[in-house]
Every structure is written in structure tokens, then in C-alpha cells.
Amino acid sequence: MRVQPLLQKMEKKLEKKPEIIPGKIKMQKIITSAIVPVICLIFISCGLKAPPVPPASYPPVAVTDLSAKVSSDFLTLTWTIPAPANATSGKAENFFVYRSKTSLSQPDCPKCPIVFDQVARLPVNGKSQLTYTETLVKGNKYIYKVVPYSNAGVQGKNSNLAELVY
């Protein structure tokens, strides 16, 4: 018989309507309207969207003092490694040496473009000056230039040209 009074109490509680407190409902709406957008932003903004962007890479400063010296049948190119001029110039870590070689028997063509071939890649390795040496063949006109590169693969401008007839 004791179960009956318990059931009756529970039924009365279920039948009872919750009290409506205007201030409490307003506060719940404010909290909900503030929390829902924040949660949405968290879920929308997390995760990987794109690959990371590398830092800006600037070209190294061009060589301005390329010089050529001939001794016997050997040519020696010499140049100073330029230091970065400012915050928007990169550091030269490698140099490519380019050569144009034309036979003296060919007619001179001052308006024709100079065609260069890469003949060497020289790492800087902490040096302040680099040299390049090669054997020359008589009866040719040679033109050389060097181009600096950074470790990021950014190419600088061409150096001055070193020309000689041998």
C-alpha cells in the first residue's frame, strides 16, 4: 500500500507546469545567442586550410667586379661575393658560371643575342671571393658572366660581362 501514495506524488509532480520566470528565460536566450556563434566559429576555424606560406625570398645582389686573366692557355675568372645590400636582398650561396664561345672565323653580328651555356656551379662556402679556371682554345671569342643563387633557388641578376679573344 505504500507504493500507491508514492505514485500519486509523482503524478502530481509531472502534472505541475514549470514556473515561468521572465528574467530567467531572457538570460538563457542571451547565453544561448552568445555561445552558439562562438562554438560555430571554433568548428569552422579549426583545421588545415592551405599549405604554409614560406617566408619571402629575395634575389641575391649581382656581381659587379667580374674580371678575366689569361695565362698560357688558361683563363681565370675572379669576382668578389657581394654582401646583401639591405633587407630586400638575399644572400648568394651559389654561383653559376656561363660562357659564350664563338669562332673568330664566323662573321661578327653585333645585333645578335649572346647565347650562353652553363659551364660551372660554384658554392660560396663562406668565402669572400671566388675563382673559376678553364683551358682556352685559340681562335675563339669568349664572353663570361656569373649569376648568384640563394639556397632557396632565387636567382640574382647577371654580373658584368668579361670578354676576351684568344
C-alpha atoms as a PDB file:
ATOM      1  CA  MET A   1       0.000   0.000   0.000  1.00  0.00           C
ATOM      2  CA  ARG A   2       2.864   2.294   0.364  1.00  0.00           C
ATOM      3  CA  VAL A   3       3.526   2.286  -3.411  1.00  0.00           C
ATOM      4  CA  GLN A   4       0.203   3.978  -4.108  1.00  0.00           C
ATOM      5  CA  PRO A   5       0.988   7.244  -2.253  1.00  0.00           C
ATOM      6  CA  LEU A   6       4.397   7.433  -3.977  1.00  0.00           C
ATOM      7  CA  LEU A   7       2.831   7.060  -7.403  1.00  0.00           C
ATOM      8  CA  GLN A   8       0.322   9.752  -6.591  1.00  0.00           C
ATOM      9  CA  LYS A   9       3.060  12.160  -5.535  1.00  0.00           C
ATOM     10  CA  MET A  10       4.989  11.506  -8.757  1.00  0.00           C
ATOM     11  CA  GLU A  11       1.904  12.057 -10.887  1.00  0.00           C
ATOM     12  CA  LYS A  12       1.260  15.378  -9.164  1.00  0.00           C
ATOM     13  CA  LYS A  13       4.828  16.479  -9.877  1.00  0.00           C
ATOM     14  CA  LEU A  14       4.514  15.532 -13.546  1.00  0.00           C
ATOM     15  CA  GLU A  15       1.223  17.370 -13.874  1.00  0.00           C
ATOM     16  CA  LYS A  16       2.700  20.516 -12.409  1.00  0.00           C
ATOM     17  CA  LYS A  17       3.759  23.056 -15.055  1.00  0.00           C
ATOM     18  CA  PRO A  18       7.164  24.585 -14.626  1.00  0.00           C
ATOM     19  CA  GLU A  19       7.242  28.078 -13.276  1.00  0.00           C
ATOM     20  CA  ILE A  20       7.962  30.675 -15.939  1.00  0.00           C
ATOM     21  CA  ILE A  21      10.331  33.324 -14.738  1.00  0.00           C
ATOM     22  CA  PRO A  22      10.675  36.042 -17.401  1.00  0.00           C
ATOM     23  CA  GLY A  23      14.175  37.140 -16.336  1.00  0.00           C
ATOM     24  CA  LYS A  24      15.474  33.573 -16.339  1.00  0.00           C
ATOM     25  CA  ILE A  25      14.236  32.867 -19.878  1.00  0.00           C
ATOM     26  CA  LYS A  26      15.738  36.129 -21.137  1.00  0.00           C
ATOM     27  CA  MET A  27      19.100  35.237 -19.581  1.00  0.00           C
ATOM     28  CA  GLN A  28      19.010  31.763 -21.173  1.00  0.00           C
ATOM     29  CA  LYS A  29      18.345  33.324 -24.595  1.00  0.00           C
ATOM     30  CA  ILE A  30      21.254  35.751 -24.165  1.00  0.00           C
ATOM     31  CA  ILE A  31      23.619  32.980 -23.135  1.00  0.00           C
ATOM     32  CA  THR A  32      22.474  30.727 -25.991  1.00  0.00           C
ATOM     33  CA  SER A  33      22.767  33.504 -28.578  1.00  0.00           C
ATOM     34  CA  ALA A  34      26.319  34.245 -27.404  1.00  0.00           C
ATOM     35  CA  ILE A  35      27.570  30.675 -27.039  1.00  0.00           C
ATOM     36  CA  VAL A  36      26.214  29.193 -30.278  1.00  0.00           C
ATOM     37  CA  PRO A  37      28.133  31.583 -32.591  1.00  0.00           C
ATOM     38  CA  VAL A  38      31.341  31.056 -30.615  1.00  0.00           C
ATOM     39  CA  ILE A  39      31.023  27.276 -30.922  1.00  0.00           C
ATOM     40  CA  CYS A  40      30.301  27.610 -34.645  1.00  0.00           C
ATOM     41  CA  LEU A  41      33.421  29.754 -35.111  1.00  0.00           C
ATOM     42  CA  ILE A  42      35.538  27.231 -33.275  1.00  0.00           C
ATOM     43  CA  PHE A  43      34.404  24.394 -35.513  1.00  0.00           C
ATOM     44  CA  ILE A  44      34.639  26.428 -38.695  1.00  0.00           C
ATOM     45  CA  SER A  45      38.079  27.877 -37.995  1.00  0.00           C
ATOM     46  CA  CYS A  46      39.926  24.772 -36.883  1.00  0.00           C
ATOM     47  CA  GLY A  47      41.848  22.513 -39.217  1.00  0.00           C
ATOM     48  CA  LEU A  48      44.323  22.868 -42.063  1.00  0.00           C
ATOM     49  CA  LYS A  49      43.087  25.169 -44.794  1.00  0.00           C
ATOM     50  CA  ALA A  50      46.154  25.507 -47.037  1.00  0.00           C
ATOM     51  CA  PRO A  51      49.861  24.687 -47.023  1.00  0.00           C
ATOM     52  CA  PRO A  52      52.007  27.113 -45.054  1.00  0.00           C
ATOM     53  CA  VAL A  53      53.424  30.040 -46.976  1.00  0.00           C
ATOM     54  CA  PRO A  54      57.224  30.179 -46.990  1.00  0.00           C
ATOM     55  CA  PRO A  55      58.893  33.400 -45.945  1.00  0.00           C
ATOM     56  CA  ALA A  56      59.622  35.830 -48.735  1.00  0.00           C
ATOM     57  CA  SER A  57      62.798  35.030 -50.652  1.00  0.00           C
ATOM     58  CA  TYR A  58      64.746  37.869 -52.188  1.00  0.00           C
ATOM     59  CA  PRO A  59      67.278  37.650 -55.027  1.00  0.00           C
ATOM     60  CA  PRO A  60      70.968  37.979 -54.183  1.00  0.00           C
ATOM     61  CA  VAL A  61      72.911  41.061 -55.240  1.00  0.00           C
ATOM     62  CA  ALA A  62      74.608  40.884 -58.659  1.00  0.00           C
ATOM     63  CA  VAL A  63      78.387  40.696 -59.054  1.00  0.00           C
ATOM     64  CA  THR A  64      79.874  43.921 -60.438  1.00  0.00           C
ATOM     65  CA  ASP A  65      83.608  43.139 -60.454  1.00  0.00           C
ATOM     66  CA  LEU A  66      83.954  40.034 -62.664  1.00  0.00           C
ATOM     67  CA  SER A  67      87.428  40.037 -64.206  1.00  0.00           C
ATOM     68  CA  ALA A  68      89.283  37.670 -66.551  1.00  0.00           C
ATOM     69  CA  LYS A  69      93.012  36.933 -66.679  1.00  0.00           C
ATOM     70  CA  VAL A  70      94.738  34.728 -69.282  1.00  0.00           C
ATOM     71  CA  SER A  71      97.988  32.904 -68.537  1.00  0.00           C
ATOM     72  CA  SER A  72      99.311  30.446 -71.133  1.00  0.00           C
ATOM     73  CA  ASP A  73      96.193  28.598 -72.332  1.00  0.00           C
ATOM     74  CA  PHE A  74      94.310  29.085 -69.068  1.00  0.00           C
ATOM     75  CA  LEU A  75      91.641  31.597 -68.167  1.00  0.00           C
ATOM     76  CA  THR A  76      90.964  32.564 -64.563  1.00  0.00           C
ATOM     77  CA  LEU A  77      87.758  34.421 -63.699  1.00  0.00           C
ATOM     78  CA  THR A  78      87.720  36.211 -60.339  1.00  0.00           C
ATOM     79  CA  TRP A  79      84.941  38.042 -58.508  1.00  0.00           C
ATOM     80  CA  THR A  80      84.016  39.251 -55.042  1.00  0.00           C
ATOM     81  CA  ILE A  81      80.897  37.833 -53.408  1.00  0.00           C
ATOM     82  CA  PRO A  82      78.586  40.782 -52.769  1.00  0.00           C
ATOM     83  CA  ALA A  83      77.048  41.149 -49.333  1.00  0.00           C
ATOM     84  CA  PRO A  84      73.281  41.675 -49.114  1.00  0.00           C
ATOM     85  CA  ALA A  85      72.678  45.382 -49.669  1.00  0.00           C
ATOM     86  CA  ASN A  86      69.592  45.650 -47.458  1.00  0.00           C
ATOM     87  CA  ALA A  87      66.656  43.701 -46.028  1.00  0.00           C
ATOM     88  CA  THR A  88      65.207  43.076 -49.504  1.00  0.00           C
ATOM     89  CA  SER A  89      68.297  41.416 -50.972  1.00  0.00           C
ATOM     90  CA  GLY A  90      69.147  37.773 -50.406  1.00  0.00           C
ATOM     91  CA  LYS A  91      72.441  36.074 -49.654  1.00  0.00           C
ATOM     92  CA  ALA A  92      74.347  34.445 -52.518  1.00  0.00           C
ATOM     93  CA  GLU A  93      75.071  30.804 -51.658  1.00  0.00           C
ATOM     94  CA  ASN A  94      75.988  29.508 -55.141  1.00  0.00           C
ATOM     95  CA  PHE A  95      77.193  30.948 -58.419  1.00  0.00           C
ATOM     96  CA  PHE A  96      76.644  29.622 -61.901  1.00  0.00           C
ATOM     97  CA  VAL A  97      79.304  30.456 -64.471  1.00  0.00           C
ATOM     98  CA  TYR A  98      78.077  30.954 -68.039  1.00  0.00           C
ATOM     99  CA  ARG A  99      80.182  31.095 -71.207  1.00  0.00           C
ATOM    100  CA  SER A 100      79.559  32.155 -74.780  1.00  0.00           C
ATOM    101  CA  LYS A 101      82.113  30.803 -77.226  1.00  0.00           C
ATOM    102  CA  THR A 102      82.157  31.781 -80.927  1.00  0.00           C
ATOM    103  CA  SER A 103      84.751  31.054 -83.551  1.00  0.00           C
ATOM    104  CA  LEU A 104      86.688  34.037 -84.929  1.00  0.00           C
ATOM    105  CA  SER A 105      86.013  32.651 -88.407  1.00  0.00           C
ATOM    106  CA  GLN A 106      82.289  33.430 -88.013  1.00  0.00           C
ATOM    107  CA  PRO A 107      81.173  36.881 -89.168  1.00  0.00           C
ATOM    108  CA  ASP A 108      80.647  39.404 -86.362  1.00  0.00           C
ATOM    109  CA  CYS A 109      76.966  40.020 -85.537  1.00  0.00           C
ATOM    110  CA  PRO A 110      76.601  42.908 -83.047  1.00  0.00           C
ATOM    111  CA  LYS A 111      72.755  42.768 -83.068  1.00  0.00           C
ATOM    112  CA  CYS A 112      72.537  39.000 -82.490  1.00  0.00           C
ATOM    113  CA  PRO A 113      71.704  37.779 -78.969  1.00  0.00           C
ATOM    114  CA  ILE A 114      74.547  36.267 -76.970  1.00  0.00           C
ATOM    115  CA  VAL A 115      73.928  32.585 -76.307  1.00  0.00           C
ATOM    116  CA  PHE A 116      75.413  31.350 -73.035  1.00  0.00           C
ATOM    117  CA  ASP A 117      75.977  27.806 -71.786  1.00  0.00           C
ATOM    118  CA  GLN A 118      76.324  26.979 -68.111  1.00  0.00           C
ATOM    119  CA  VAL A 119      79.833  25.647 -67.505  1.00  0.00           C
ATOM    120  CA  ALA A 120      80.112  25.511 -63.707  1.00  0.00           C
ATOM    121  CA  ARG A 121      78.312  25.752 -60.379  1.00  0.00           C
ATOM    122  CA  LEU A 122      80.419  27.053 -57.507  1.00  0.00           C
ATOM    123  CA  PRO A 123      79.241  27.035 -53.858  1.00  0.00           C
ATOM    124  CA  VAL A 124      80.251  30.030 -51.740  1.00  0.00           C
ATOM    125  CA  ASN A 125      81.051  28.047 -48.549  1.00  0.00           C
ATOM    126  CA  GLY A 126      81.861  31.150 -46.500  1.00  0.00           C
ATOM    127  CA  LYS A 127      84.410  32.575 -48.972  1.00  0.00           C
ATOM    128  CA  SER A 128      84.582  36.264 -49.822  1.00  0.00           C
ATOM    129  CA  GLN A 129      85.997  35.761 -53.313  1.00  0.00           C
ATOM    130  CA  LEU A 130      85.584  33.019 -55.932  1.00  0.00           C
ATOM    131  CA  THR A 131      87.668  31.965 -58.924  1.00  0.00           C
ATOM    132  CA  TYR A 132      86.928  29.765 -61.914  1.00  0.00           C
ATOM    133  CA  THR A 133      89.620  28.360 -64.209  1.00  0.00           C
ATOM    134  CA  GLU A 134      89.366  26.651 -67.599  1.00  0.00           C
ATOM    135  CA  THR A 135      91.501  25.883 -70.628  1.00  0.00           C
ATOM    136  CA  LEU A 136      91.044  28.103 -73.682  1.00  0.00           C
ATOM    137  CA  VAL A 137      91.140  27.110 -77.341  1.00  0.00           C
ATOM    138  CA  LYS A 138      92.839  29.538 -79.767  1.00  0.00           C
ATOM    139  CA  GLY A 139      90.764  31.190 -82.475  1.00  0.00           C
ATOM    140  CA  ASN A 140      87.682  31.936 -80.339  1.00  0.00           C
ATOM    141  CA  LYS A 141      85.913  34.881 -78.773  1.00  0.00           C
ATOM    142  CA  TYR A 142      84.809  34.210 -75.186  1.00  0.00           C
ATOM    143  CA  ILE A 143      82.236  36.054 -73.099  1.00  0.00           C
ATOM    144  CA  TYR A 144      81.635  35.100 -69.458  1.00  0.00           C
ATOM    145  CA  LYS A 145      79.104  36.061 -66.815  1.00  0.00           C
ATOM    146  CA  VAL A 146      78.261  34.771 -63.337  1.00  0.00           C
ATOM    147  CA  VAL A 147      74.810  34.620 -61.727  1.00  0.00           C
ATOM    148  CA  PRO A 148      74.246  34.331 -57.958  1.00  0.00           C
ATOM    149  CA  TYR A 149      71.645  31.954 -56.470  1.00  0.00           C
ATOM    150  CA  SER A 150      70.320  31.652 -52.947  1.00  0.00           C
ATOM    151  CA  ASN A 151      69.723  28.308 -51.207  1.00  0.00           C
ATOM    152  CA  ALA A 152      66.000  28.917 -51.776  1.00  0.00           C
ATOM    153  CA  GLY A 153      66.701  28.795 -55.531  1.00  0.00           C
ATOM    154  CA  VAL A 154      66.163  32.500 -56.129  1.00  0.00           C
ATOM    155  CA  GLN A 155      68.346  33.804 -58.949  1.00  0.00           C
ATOM    156  CA  GLY A 156      70.045  37.176 -58.845  1.00  0.00           C
ATOM    157  CA  LYS A 157      70.857  39.385 -61.822  1.00  0.00           C
ATOM    158  CA  ASN A 158      73.666  38.743 -64.287  1.00  0.00           C
ATOM    159  CA  SER A 159      77.116  40.077 -63.495  1.00  0.00           C
ATOM    160  CA  ASN A 160      79.089  42.379 -65.730  1.00  0.00           C
ATOM    161  CA  LEU A 161      80.492  40.580 -68.793  1.00  0.00           C
ATOM    162  CA  ALA A 162      84.136  39.543 -69.142  1.00  0.00           C
ATOM    163  CA  GLU A 163      85.091  39.377 -72.835  1.00  0.00           C
ATOM    164  CA  LEU A 164      88.304  38.172 -74.437  1.00  0.00           C
ATOM    165  CA  VAL A 165      89.649  36.977 -77.774  1.00  0.00           C
ATOM    166  CA  TYR A 166      92.161  34.151 -77.741  1.00  0.00           C
END
